[in-house]
C-alpha atoms as a PDB file:
ATOM      1  CA  MET A   1      98.498 100.291  94.044  1.00  0.00           C
ATOM      2  CA  ASN A   2      97.039  98.215  96.839  1.00  0.00           C
ATOM      3  CA  ASP A   3      98.062 100.745  99.481  1.00  0.00           C
ATOM      4  CA  PHE A   4      95.762 100.112 102.406  1.00  0.00           C
ATOM      5  CA  LYS A   5      96.823 103.028 104.572  1.00  0.00           C
ATOM      6  CA  PRO A   6      93.959 104.881 106.280  1.00  0.00           C
ATOM      7  CA  ASP A   7      94.592 108.102 104.334  1.00  0.00           C
ATOM      8  CA  TRP A   8      94.299 106.289 100.992  1.00  0.00           C
ATOM      9  CA  LEU A   9      91.081 104.560 102.039  1.00  0.00           C
ATOM     10  CA  ALA A  10      89.626 107.889 103.153  1.00  0.00           C
ATOM     11  CA  LEU A  11      90.623 109.509  99.852  1.00  0.00           C
ATOM     12  CA  ARG A  12      88.960 106.830  97.736  1.00  0.00           C
ATOM     13  CA  GLU A  13      85.764 106.451  99.800  1.00  0.00           C
ATOM     14  CA  PRO A  14      83.800 109.291  98.091  1.00  0.00           C
ATOM     15  CA  ALA A  15      84.757 107.962  94.628  1.00  0.00           C
ATOM     16  CA  ASP A  16      83.641 104.492  95.669  1.00  0.00           C
ATOM     17  CA  VAL A  17      80.273 105.792  96.844  1.00  0.00           C
ATOM     18  CA  ARG A  18      79.651 107.600  93.559  1.00  0.00           C
ATOM     19  CA  ALA A  19      80.665 104.601  91.462  1.00  0.00           C
ATOM     20  CA  ARG A  20      78.746 101.766  93.091  1.00  0.00           C
ATOM     21  CA  SER A  21      75.793 100.055  91.467  1.00  0.00           C
ATOM     22  CA  VAL A  22      72.751 101.130  93.467  1.00  0.00           C
ATOM     23  CA  ARG A  23      70.678  98.658  91.451  1.00  0.00           C
ATOM     24  CA  LEU A  24      72.625  95.679  92.755  1.00  0.00           C
ATOM     25  CA  VAL A  25      72.510  96.999  96.314  1.00  0.00           C
ATOM     26  CA  HIS A  26      68.726  97.297  96.108  1.00  0.00           C
ATOM     27  CA  LEU A  27      68.500  93.869  94.517  1.00  0.00           C
ATOM     28  CA  VAL A  28      70.318  92.282  97.433  1.00  0.00           C
ATOM     29  CA  ALA A  29      68.435  94.333 100.031  1.00  0.00           C
ATOM     30  CA  ALA A  30      65.090  93.288  98.524  1.00  0.00           C
ATOM     31  CA  GLY A  31      65.862  89.698  99.477  1.00  0.00           C
ATOM     32  CA  PHE A  32      65.400  90.519 103.170  1.00  0.00           C
ATOM     33  CA  PRO A  33      62.014  91.132 104.808  1.00  0.00           C
ATOM     34  CA  ARG A  34      61.716  94.701 106.036  1.00  0.00           C
ATOM     35  CA  ASP A  35      61.315  93.490 109.619  1.00  0.00           C
ATOM     36  CA  ALA A  36      64.325  91.146 109.430  1.00  0.00           C
ATOM     37  CA  VAL A  37      67.452  91.519 111.531  1.00  0.00           C
ATOM     38  CA  VAL A  38      70.105  91.386 108.830  1.00  0.00           C
ATOM     39  CA  ARG A  39      73.301  89.750 110.052  1.00  0.00           C
ATOM     40  CA  ALA A  40      76.091  90.870 107.739  1.00  0.00           C
ATOM     41  CA  LEU A  41      79.784  90.039 107.471  1.00  0.00           C
ATOM     42  CA  ASP A  42      82.177  92.472 105.781  1.00  0.00           C
ATOM     43  CA  VAL A  43      85.391  90.719 104.699  1.00  0.00           C
ATOM     44  CA  ALA A  44      88.663  92.695 104.533  1.00  0.00           C
ATOM     45  CA  THR A  45      86.729  95.678 105.816  1.00  0.00           C
ATOM     46  CA  GLY A  46      89.587  98.182 106.069  1.00  0.00           C
ATOM     47  CA  THR A  47      88.113 101.161 107.938  1.00  0.00           C
ATOM     48  CA  GLY A  48      84.505 100.009 107.472  1.00  0.00           C
ATOM     49  CA  ALA A  49      83.546 102.036 104.397  1.00  0.00           C
ATOM     50  CA  ASN A  50      81.519  99.217 102.877  1.00  0.00           C
ATOM     51  CA  MET A  51      79.395  98.870 105.988  1.00  0.00           C
ATOM     52  CA  ARG A  52      78.834 102.619 106.125  1.00  0.00           C
ATOM     53  CA  TYR A  53      77.558 102.591 102.558  1.00  0.00           C
ATOM     54  CA  MET A  54      75.283  99.604 103.054  1.00  0.00           C
ATOM     55  CA  VAL A  55      73.626 100.614 106.333  1.00  0.00           C
ATOM     56  CA  GLU A  56      71.147 103.017 104.754  1.00  0.00           C
ATOM     57  CA  HIS A  57      70.113 100.531 102.046  1.00  0.00           C
ATOM     58  CA  LEU A  58      69.257  97.509 104.200  1.00  0.00           C
ATOM     59  CA  PRO A  59      66.333  96.847 106.556  1.00  0.00           C
ATOM     60  CA  SER A  60      66.624  98.962 109.676  1.00  0.00           C
ATOM     61  CA  GLN A  61      67.637  96.162 112.072  1.00  0.00           C
ATOM     62  CA  GLN A  62      71.248  95.144 111.369  1.00  0.00           C
ATOM     63  CA  ARG A  63      74.168  93.396 113.044  1.00  0.00           C
ATOM     64  CA  TRP A  64      77.544  93.742 111.336  1.00  0.00           C
ATOM     65  CA  LEU A  65      80.811  91.910 111.893  1.00  0.00           C
ATOM     66  CA  LEU A  66      83.736  93.729 110.278  1.00  0.00           C
ATOM     67  CA  VAL A  67      86.789  91.527 109.765  1.00  0.00           C
ATOM     68  CA  ASP A  68      90.307  92.528 108.765  1.00  0.00           C
ATOM     69  CA  GLY A  69      93.858  91.476 109.514  1.00  0.00           C
ATOM     70  CA  ASP A  70      95.184  95.004 110.072  1.00  0.00           C
ATOM     71  CA  PRO A  71      94.673  96.345 113.613  1.00  0.00           C
ATOM     72  CA  VAL A  72      95.487  99.905 112.500  1.00  0.00           C
ATOM     73  CA  LEU A  73      92.651  99.911 109.981  1.00  0.00           C
ATOM     74  CA  LEU A  74      90.226  98.312 112.423  1.00  0.00           C
ATOM     75  CA  GLY A  75      91.186 100.966 114.954  1.00  0.00           C
ATOM     76  CA  GLU A  76      89.930 103.615 112.526  1.00  0.00           C
ATOM     77  CA  VAL A  77      86.415 102.128 112.352  1.00  0.00           C
ATOM     78  CA  PRO A  78      84.889 103.801 115.454  1.00  0.00           C
ATOM     79  CA  GLY A  79      86.081 107.327 114.695  1.00  0.00           C
ATOM     80  CA  ARG A  80      85.230 107.263 110.994  1.00  0.00           C
ATOM     81  CA  THR A  81      81.865 105.670 111.644  1.00  0.00           C
ATOM     82  CA  HIS A  82      81.042 108.217 114.338  1.00  0.00           C
ATOM     83  CA  SER A  83      81.826 111.127 111.999  1.00  0.00           C
ATOM     84  CA  TRP A  84      79.786 109.549 109.208  1.00  0.00           C
ATOM     85  CA  ALA A  85      76.824 108.869 111.499  1.00  0.00           C
ATOM     86  CA  VAL A  86      76.741 112.328 113.084  1.00  0.00           C
ATOM     87  CA  ALA A  87      76.738 113.929 109.625  1.00  0.00           C
ATOM     88  CA  ARG A  88      73.517 111.983 108.927  1.00  0.00           C
ATOM     89  CA  GLY A  89      71.823 112.785 112.206  1.00  0.00           C
ATOM     90  CA  PHE A  90      72.354 109.332 113.714  1.00  0.00           C
ATOM     91  CA  GLU A  91      73.312 108.687 117.315  1.00  0.00           C
ATOM     92  CA  VAL A  92      76.362 106.526 117.985  1.00  0.00           C
ATOM     93  CA  THR A  93      77.346 104.907 121.259  1.00  0.00           C
ATOM     94  CA  SER A  94      80.068 102.374 121.902  1.00  0.00           C
ATOM     95  CA  ASP A  95      81.545 100.049 124.452  1.00  0.00           C
ATOM     96  CA  ASP A  96      84.475  97.656 124.356  1.00  0.00           C
ATOM     97  CA  GLN A  97      82.532  95.209 122.211  1.00  0.00           C
ATOM     98  CA  GLU A  98      80.586  97.108 119.564  1.00  0.00           C
ATOM     99  CA  LEU A  99      79.195 100.320 118.136  1.00  0.00           C
ATOM    100  CA  LEU A 100      75.473 101.045 118.227  1.00  0.00           C
ATOM    101  CA  ILE A 101      74.081 103.319 115.501  1.00  0.00           C
ATOM    102  CA  ARG A 102      70.516 104.567 115.990  1.00  0.00           C
ATOM    103  CA  GLY A 103      68.222 106.970 114.196  1.00  0.00           C
ATOM    104  CA  GLU A 104      64.852 107.149 112.398  1.00  0.00           C
ATOM    105  CA  GLY A 105      64.064 103.514 113.061  1.00  0.00           C
ATOM    106  CA  LEU A 106      67.636 102.360 112.446  1.00  0.00           C
ATOM    107  CA  MET A 107      69.193 100.014 114.964  1.00  0.00           C
ATOM    108  CA  CYS A 108      72.589  98.828 113.763  1.00  0.00           C
ATOM    109  CA  ARG A 109      75.170  97.019 115.889  1.00  0.00           C
ATOM    110  CA  VAL A 110      78.738  96.864 114.605  1.00  0.00           C
ATOM    111  CA  ALA A 111      81.502  94.647 115.957  1.00  0.00           C
ATOM    112  CA  THR A 112      85.048  94.265 114.662  1.00  0.00           C
ATOM    113  CA  ARG A 113      87.370  91.288 114.733  1.00  0.00           C
ATOM    114  CA  ARG A 114      90.968  90.873 113.720  1.00  0.00           C
ATOM    115  CA  VAL A 115      91.463  87.797 111.533  1.00  0.00           C
ATOM    116  CA  ASN A 116      94.348  86.986 109.199  1.00  0.00           C
ATOM    117  CA  LEU A 117      92.108  86.220 106.244  1.00  0.00           C
ATOM    118  CA  ALA A 118      94.996  85.050 104.072  1.00  0.00           C
ATOM    119  CA  THR A 119      95.831  82.146 106.374  1.00  0.00           C
ATOM    120  CA  ASP A 120      92.689  81.555 108.427  1.00  0.00           C
ATOM    121  CA  LEU A 121      89.345  82.392 106.861  1.00  0.00           C
ATOM    122  CA  ASP A 122      87.395  81.426 109.959  1.00  0.00           C
ATOM    123  CA  GLY A 123      89.418  82.902 112.790  1.00  0.00           C
ATOM    124  CA  PRO A 124      89.019  81.413 116.268  1.00  0.00           C
ATOM    125  CA  GLU A 125      85.288  81.095 115.550  1.00  0.00           C
ATOM    126  CA  GLY A 126      83.486  80.532 112.254  1.00  0.00           C
ATOM    127  CA  ILE A 127      83.004  84.082 111.012  1.00  0.00           C
ATOM    128  CA  PHE A 128      80.633  83.090 108.192  1.00  0.00           C
ATOM    129  CA  GLU A 129      78.249  81.055 110.291  1.00  0.00           C
ATOM    130  CA  GLY A 130      74.946  82.774 111.022  1.00  0.00           C
ATOM    131  CA  HIS A 131      75.450  85.607 108.526  1.00  0.00           C
ATOM    132  CA  ALA A 132      72.796  86.110 105.858  1.00  0.00           C
ATOM    133  CA  LEU A 133      74.867  88.625 103.893  1.00  0.00           C
ATOM    134  CA  VAL A 134      78.583  88.624 103.058  1.00  0.00           C
ATOM    135  CA  THR A 135      80.101  91.750 101.546  1.00  0.00           C
ATOM    136  CA  ALA A 136      83.497  93.009 100.440  1.00  0.00           C
ATOM    137  CA  SER A 137      84.844  95.957  98.493  1.00  0.00           C
ATOM    138  CA  ALA A 138      87.880  96.262  96.185  1.00  0.00           C
ATOM    139  CA  LEU A 139      88.927  92.707  97.034  1.00  0.00           C
ATOM    140  CA  LEU A 140      88.278  90.148  94.291  1.00  0.00           C
ATOM    141  CA  ASP A 141      91.140  91.365  92.075  1.00  0.00           C
ATOM    142  CA  LEU A 142      93.603  90.818  94.948  1.00  0.00           C
ATOM    143  CA  VAL A 143      92.789  87.224  95.882  1.00  0.00           C
ATOM    144  CA  SER A 144      93.553  83.845  94.352  1.00  0.00           C
ATOM    145  CA  ASP A 145      91.095  81.496  92.716  1.00  0.00           C
ATOM    146  CA  ARG A 146      91.673  78.993  95.515  1.00  0.00           C
ATOM    147  CA  TRP A 147      90.940  81.590  98.212  1.00  0.00           C
ATOM    148  CA  LEU A 148      87.830  82.786  96.412  1.00  0.00           C
ATOM    149  CA  ARG A 149      86.502  79.246  96.115  1.00  0.00           C
ATOM    150  CA  ALA A 150      86.968  78.766  99.855  1.00  0.00           C
ATOM    151  CA  VAL A 151      84.975  81.950 100.520  1.00  0.00           C
ATOM    152  CA  ALA A 152      82.222  80.877  98.120  1.00  0.00           C
ATOM    153  CA  ASP A 153      81.968  77.496  99.843  1.00  0.00           C
ATOM    154  CA  ARG A 154      81.557  79.183 103.215  1.00  0.00           C
ATOM    155  CA  CYS A 155      78.936  81.582 101.867  1.00  0.00           C
ATOM    156  CA  ARG A 156      77.018  78.624 100.449  1.00  0.00           C
ATOM    157  CA  GLY A 157      77.260  76.780 103.735  1.00  0.00           C
ATOM    158  CA  ALA A 158      75.771  79.792 105.537  1.00  0.00           C
ATOM    159  CA  GLY A 159      73.118  80.284 102.831  1.00  0.00           C
ATOM    160  CA  ALA A 160      74.296  83.887 102.554  1.00  0.00           C
ATOM    161  CA  ALA A 161      73.690  86.387  99.797  1.00  0.00           C
ATOM    162  CA  VAL A 162      76.842  88.183  98.651  1.00  0.00           C
ATOM    163  CA  LEU A 163      77.730  91.597  97.321  1.00  0.00           C
ATOM    164  CA  PHE A 164      81.275  92.253  96.117  1.00  0.00           C
ATOM    165  CA  ALA A 165      81.762  95.881  95.084  1.00  0.00           C
ATOM    166  CA  LEU A 166      84.398  97.745  93.091  1.00  0.00           C
ATOM    167  CA  THR A 167      86.507  94.946  91.644  1.00  0.00           C
ATOM    168  CA  TYR A 168      89.122  96.382  89.288  1.00  0.00           C
ATOM    169  CA  ASP A 169      88.528  94.974  85.794  1.00  0.00           C
ATOM    170  CA  GLY A 170      91.699  95.993  83.940  1.00  0.00           C
ATOM    171  CA  ARG A 171      90.454  99.157  82.199  1.00  0.00           C
ATOM    172  CA  MET A 172      92.332 102.426  82.617  1.00  0.00           C
ATOM    173  CA  HIS A 173      91.610 105.360  80.300  1.00  0.00           C
ATOM    174  CA  CYS A 174      93.426 108.664  80.653  1.00  0.00           C
ATOM    175  CA  ALA A 175      92.792 112.017  79.019  1.00  0.00           C
ATOM    176  CA  PRO A 176      94.667 113.754  77.540  1.00  0.00           C
ATOM    177  CA  GLU A 177      96.236 110.637  76.079  1.00  0.00           C
ATOM    178  CA  GLU A 178      99.950 109.857  76.232  1.00  0.00           C
ATOM    179  CA  PRO A 179     101.731 107.377  73.937  1.00  0.00           C
ATOM    180  CA  GLU A 180     102.647 105.035  76.802  1.00  0.00           C
ATOM    181  CA  ASP A 181      99.161 104.784  78.332  1.00  0.00           C
ATOM    182  CA  ALA A 182      98.349 101.350  76.900  1.00  0.00           C
ATOM    183  CA  ALA A 183     101.753  99.905  77.784  1.00  0.00           C
ATOM    184  CA  VAL A 184     101.499 101.166  81.370  1.00  0.00           C
ATOM    185  CA  THR A 185      98.011  99.671  81.656  1.00  0.00           C
ATOM    186  CA  ASP A 186      99.350  96.297  80.540  1.00  0.00           C
ATOM    187  CA  LEU A 187     102.158  96.462  83.110  1.00  0.00           C
ATOM    188  CA  VAL A 188      99.765  97.479  85.888  1.00  0.00           C
ATOM    189  CA  ASN A 189      97.479  94.577  85.024  1.00  0.00           C
ATOM    190  CA  ALA A 190     100.441  92.204  85.108  1.00  0.00           C
ATOM    191  CA  HIS A 191     101.283  93.563  88.568  1.00  0.00           C
ATOM    192  CA  GLN A 192      97.692  93.015  89.675  1.00  0.00           C
ATOM    193  CA  ARG A 193      98.130  89.291  88.990  1.00  0.00           C
ATOM    194  CA  MET A 194     101.073  89.028  91.375  1.00  0.00           C
ATOM    195  CA  ASP A 195     100.625  87.589  94.868  1.00  0.00           C
ATOM    196  CA  LYS A 196      98.960  90.155  97.151  1.00  0.00           C
ATOM    197  CA  GLY A 197      99.066  87.877 100.181  1.00  0.00           C
ATOM    198  CA  PHE A 198      96.270  85.491  99.174  1.00  0.00           C
ATOM    199  CA  GLY A 199      98.159  83.490  96.541  1.00  0.00           C
ATOM    200  CA  PRO A 200      98.462  84.325  92.819  1.00  0.00           C
ATOM    201  CA  ALA A 201      95.969  87.163  92.376  1.00  0.00           C
ATOM    202  CA  LEU A 202      93.074  87.008  89.941  1.00  0.00           C
ATOM    203  CA  GLY A 203      93.607  90.627  88.953  1.00  0.00           C
ATOM    204  CA  PRO A 204      91.159  91.840  86.300  1.00  0.00           C
ATOM    205  CA  ALA A 205      89.637  88.331  86.105  1.00  0.00           C
ATOM    206  CA  GLY A 206      88.251  88.597  89.646  1.00  0.00           C
ATOM    207  CA  CYS A 207      84.589  89.103  88.737  1.00  0.00           C
ATOM    208  CA  ASP A 208      84.667  86.381  86.083  1.00  0.00           C
ATOM    209  CA  ALA A 209      86.096  83.919  88.602  1.00  0.00           C
ATOM    210  CA  ALA A 210      83.529  84.901  91.242  1.00  0.00           C
ATOM    211  CA  GLU A 211      80.670  84.405  88.797  1.00  0.00           C
ATOM    212  CA  ARG A 212      81.925  80.903  87.986  1.00  0.00           C
ATOM    213  CA  CYS A 213      82.334  80.031  91.658  1.00  0.00           C
ATOM    214  CA  PHE A 214      78.898  81.151  92.754  1.00  0.00           C
ATOM    215  CA  THR A 215      76.915  79.920  89.771  1.00  0.00           C
ATOM    216  CA  GLY A 216      78.598  76.564  90.272  1.00  0.00           C
ATOM    217  CA  LEU A 217      77.193  76.510  93.793  1.00  0.00           C
ATOM    218  CA  GLY A 218      73.634  77.236  92.660  1.00  0.00           C
ATOM    219  CA  TYR A 219      73.632  81.011  93.047  1.00  0.00           C
ATOM    220  CA  ARG A 220      72.032  83.475  90.727  1.00  0.00           C
ATOM    221  CA  VAL A 221      74.595  86.132  89.804  1.00  0.00           C
ATOM    222  CA  GLU A 222      74.264  89.648  88.417  1.00  0.00           C
ATOM    223  CA  ARG A 223      77.015  92.107  87.575  1.00  0.00           C
ATOM    224  CA  ALA A 224      77.088  95.845  86.905  1.00  0.00           C
ATOM    225  CA  PRO A 225      79.774  98.414  86.076  1.00  0.00           C
ATOM    226  CA  SER A 226      80.994 100.667  88.871  1.00  0.00           C
ATOM    227  CA  ASP A 227      83.658 102.721  87.132  1.00  0.00           C
ATOM    228  CA  TRP A 228      85.509 105.568  88.737  1.00  0.00           C
ATOM    229  CA  LEU A 229      85.063 108.671  86.555  1.00  0.00           C
ATOM    230  CA  LEU A 230      87.550 111.149  87.951  1.00  0.00           C
ATOM    231  CA  GLU A 231      87.240 114.750  86.847  1.00  0.00           C
ATOM    232  CA  PRO A 232      89.978 117.404  87.276  1.00  0.00           C
ATOM    233  CA  ASP A 233      88.705 118.331  90.743  1.00  0.00           C
ATOM    234  CA  ALA A 234      89.674 114.850  91.998  1.00  0.00           C
ATOM    235  CA  ASP A 235      93.306 115.901  91.750  1.00  0.00           C
ATOM    236  CA  GLN A 236      94.543 114.254  94.965  1.00  0.00           C
ATOM    237  CA  LEU A 237      93.077 110.890  94.070  1.00  0.00           C
ATOM    238  CA  GLN A 238      94.398 111.179  90.515  1.00  0.00           C
ATOM    239  CA  ARG A 239      97.911 111.900  91.762  1.00  0.00           C
ATOM    240  CA  GLN A 240      97.848 108.926  94.096  1.00  0.00           C
ATOM    241  CA  LEU A 241      96.645 106.642  91.302  1.00  0.00           C
ATOM    242  CA  ILE A 242      99.219 107.820  88.771  1.00  0.00           C
ATOM    243  CA  GLU A 243     102.072 107.476  91.252  1.00  0.00           C
ATOM    244  CA  GLY A 244     100.836 104.027  92.245  1.00  0.00           C
ATOM    245  CA  TRP A 245     100.486 102.924  88.632  1.00  0.00           C
ATOM    246  CA  ALA A 246     104.020 104.103  87.887  1.00  0.00           C
ATOM    247  CA  ARG A 247     105.445 102.183  90.866  1.00  0.00           C
ATOM    248  CA  ALA A 248     103.603  99.022  89.865  1.00  0.00           C
ATOM    249  CA  ALA A 249     104.658  99.288  86.225  1.00  0.00           C
ATOM    250  CA  ALA A 250     108.313  99.832  87.171  1.00  0.00           C
ATOM    251  CA  GLU A 251     108.246  96.796  89.459  1.00  0.00           C
ATOM    252  CA  VAL A 252     107.103  94.638  86.556  1.00  0.00           C
ATOM    253  CA  ALA A 253     109.464  96.184  83.990  1.00  0.00           C
ATOM    254  CA  PRO A 254     112.436  97.819  85.755  1.00  0.00           C
ATOM    255  CA  ASP A 255     114.228  98.184  82.414  1.00  0.00           C
ATOM    256  CA  LEU A 256     111.500 100.657  81.417  1.00  0.00           C
ATOM    257  CA  SER A 257     111.803 102.767  84.580  1.00  0.00           C
ATOM    258  CA  SER A 258     113.020 105.850  82.733  1.00  0.00           C
ATOM    259  CA  ALA A 259     110.157 105.781  80.220  1.00  0.00           C
ATOM    260  CA  ILE A 260     107.655 105.150  83.015  1.00  0.00           C
ATOM    261  CA  ALA A 261     109.034 108.078  85.030  1.00  0.00           C
ATOM    262  CA  SER A 262     108.651 110.327  81.990  1.00  0.00           C
ATOM    263  CA  TRP A 263     105.068 109.109  81.524  1.00  0.00           C
ATOM    264  CA  LYS A 264     104.321 109.788  85.185  1.00  0.00           C
ATOM    265  CA  ALA A 265     105.718 113.328  84.980  1.00  0.00           C
ATOM    266  CA  ARG A 266     103.540 114.141  81.981  1.00  0.00           C
ATOM    267  CA  ARG A 267     100.426 112.632  83.545  1.00  0.00           C
ATOM    268  CA  LEU A 268     101.007 114.559  86.782  1.00  0.00           C
ATOM    269  CA  ALA A 269     101.466 117.748  84.761  1.00  0.00           C
ATOM    270  CA  HIS A 270      98.015 117.208  83.261  1.00  0.00           C
ATOM    271  CA  VAL A 271      96.638 116.910  86.784  1.00  0.00           C
ATOM    272  CA  ALA A 272      98.424 120.081  87.911  1.00  0.00           C
ATOM    273  CA  THR A 273      96.997 122.096  85.007  1.00  0.00           C
ATOM    274  CA  GLY A 274      93.440 120.838  85.602  1.00  0.00           C
ATOM    275  CA  ARG A 275      93.246 118.897  82.330  1.00  0.00           C
ATOM    276  CA  SER A 276      93.360 115.312  83.559  1.00  0.00           C
ATOM    277  CA  ARG A 277      90.415 112.941  83.474  1.00  0.00           C
ATOM    278  CA  LEU A 278      90.716 109.286  84.446  1.00  0.00           C
ATOM    279  CA  LEU A 279      88.406 106.321  84.074  1.00  0.00           C
ATOM    280  CA  VAL A 280      89.224 103.285  86.206  1.00  0.00           C
ATOM    281  CA  GLY A 281      87.105 100.279  85.359  1.00  0.00           C
ATOM    282  CA  HIS A 282      85.362  98.400  88.166  1.00  0.00           C
ATOM    283  CA  GLU A 283      82.525  95.931  88.462  1.00  0.00           C
ATOM    284  CA  ASP A 284      80.081  95.056  91.231  1.00  0.00           C
ATOM    285  CA  LEU A 285      78.776  91.520  91.640  1.00  0.00           C
ATOM    286  CA  ALA A 286      75.717  90.316  93.564  1.00  0.00           C
ATOM    287  CA  ALA A 287      74.786  86.690  94.140  1.00  0.00           C
ATOM    288  CA  TRP A 288      71.940  85.047  95.991  1.00  0.00           C
ATOM    289  CA  LEU A 289      70.344  81.643  96.320  1.00  0.00           C
ATOM    290  CA  PRO A 290      66.981  81.303  94.522  1.00  0.00           C
ATOM    291  CA  ILE A 291      64.024  80.620  96.782  1.00  0.00           C
ATOM    292  CA  THR A 292      62.777  77.073  96.291  1.00  0.00           C
ATOM    293  CA  GLY A 293      59.566  75.321  97.304  1.00  0.00           C
END
């Protein structure tokens, strides 16, 4: 749970791509003229997966700022983006300041910046200023209501549209079923509400809180499901999830460690025999300011 190592982010990226709401992406993209230069900010970017997904859905002229507090993850951005771009026939060049992705009319500049988002949302310079789009992925369930309100205020000040993808919403369904599934889900959700570095986390209430924040600031908000549906062939990702769920549950209820370990062993056995299917509930949220006048 909440393991932001590069290998985990690489493992989940294909599942994220399959799960996302294309409708909401197109809805946000339609708010920009086709000849616009879209200036976008990706918050808590990790290795840049959110930017890589969005590039092909936005107008062809883009400038991205990818912000994260982890220098190891930011260091992965150039290599992962280069591999992704080459696979799509794009050309990628770089210097000390930014990446340049070009191809079939696309001109996308990508810069990275290290900012401790938990303690300083703006960094040495205002990172929100001048950005017409603010995005994040798998974030809202990890942050506090206070932190989210500060982000919403900055988005409103910049007049930016927002797209928050893949917020965990508290639903976990496993097949074949085991008697402890519901109890483990409850413990995992309790763990999700613990402080993840941004204050008491919203956990499964993340999308609800974001909708309240942005509608209160005059935004129009739409939400859509973006569930992970993991079939038996997603065995590596399933194993990582089950092991992470078991760790989180045991942290919340150490007196149940033995029962949780037994549950984990049975769930992993289902994975090993090719029988396991998992649904992990997520939601995407888009928000934009209505055009007036």
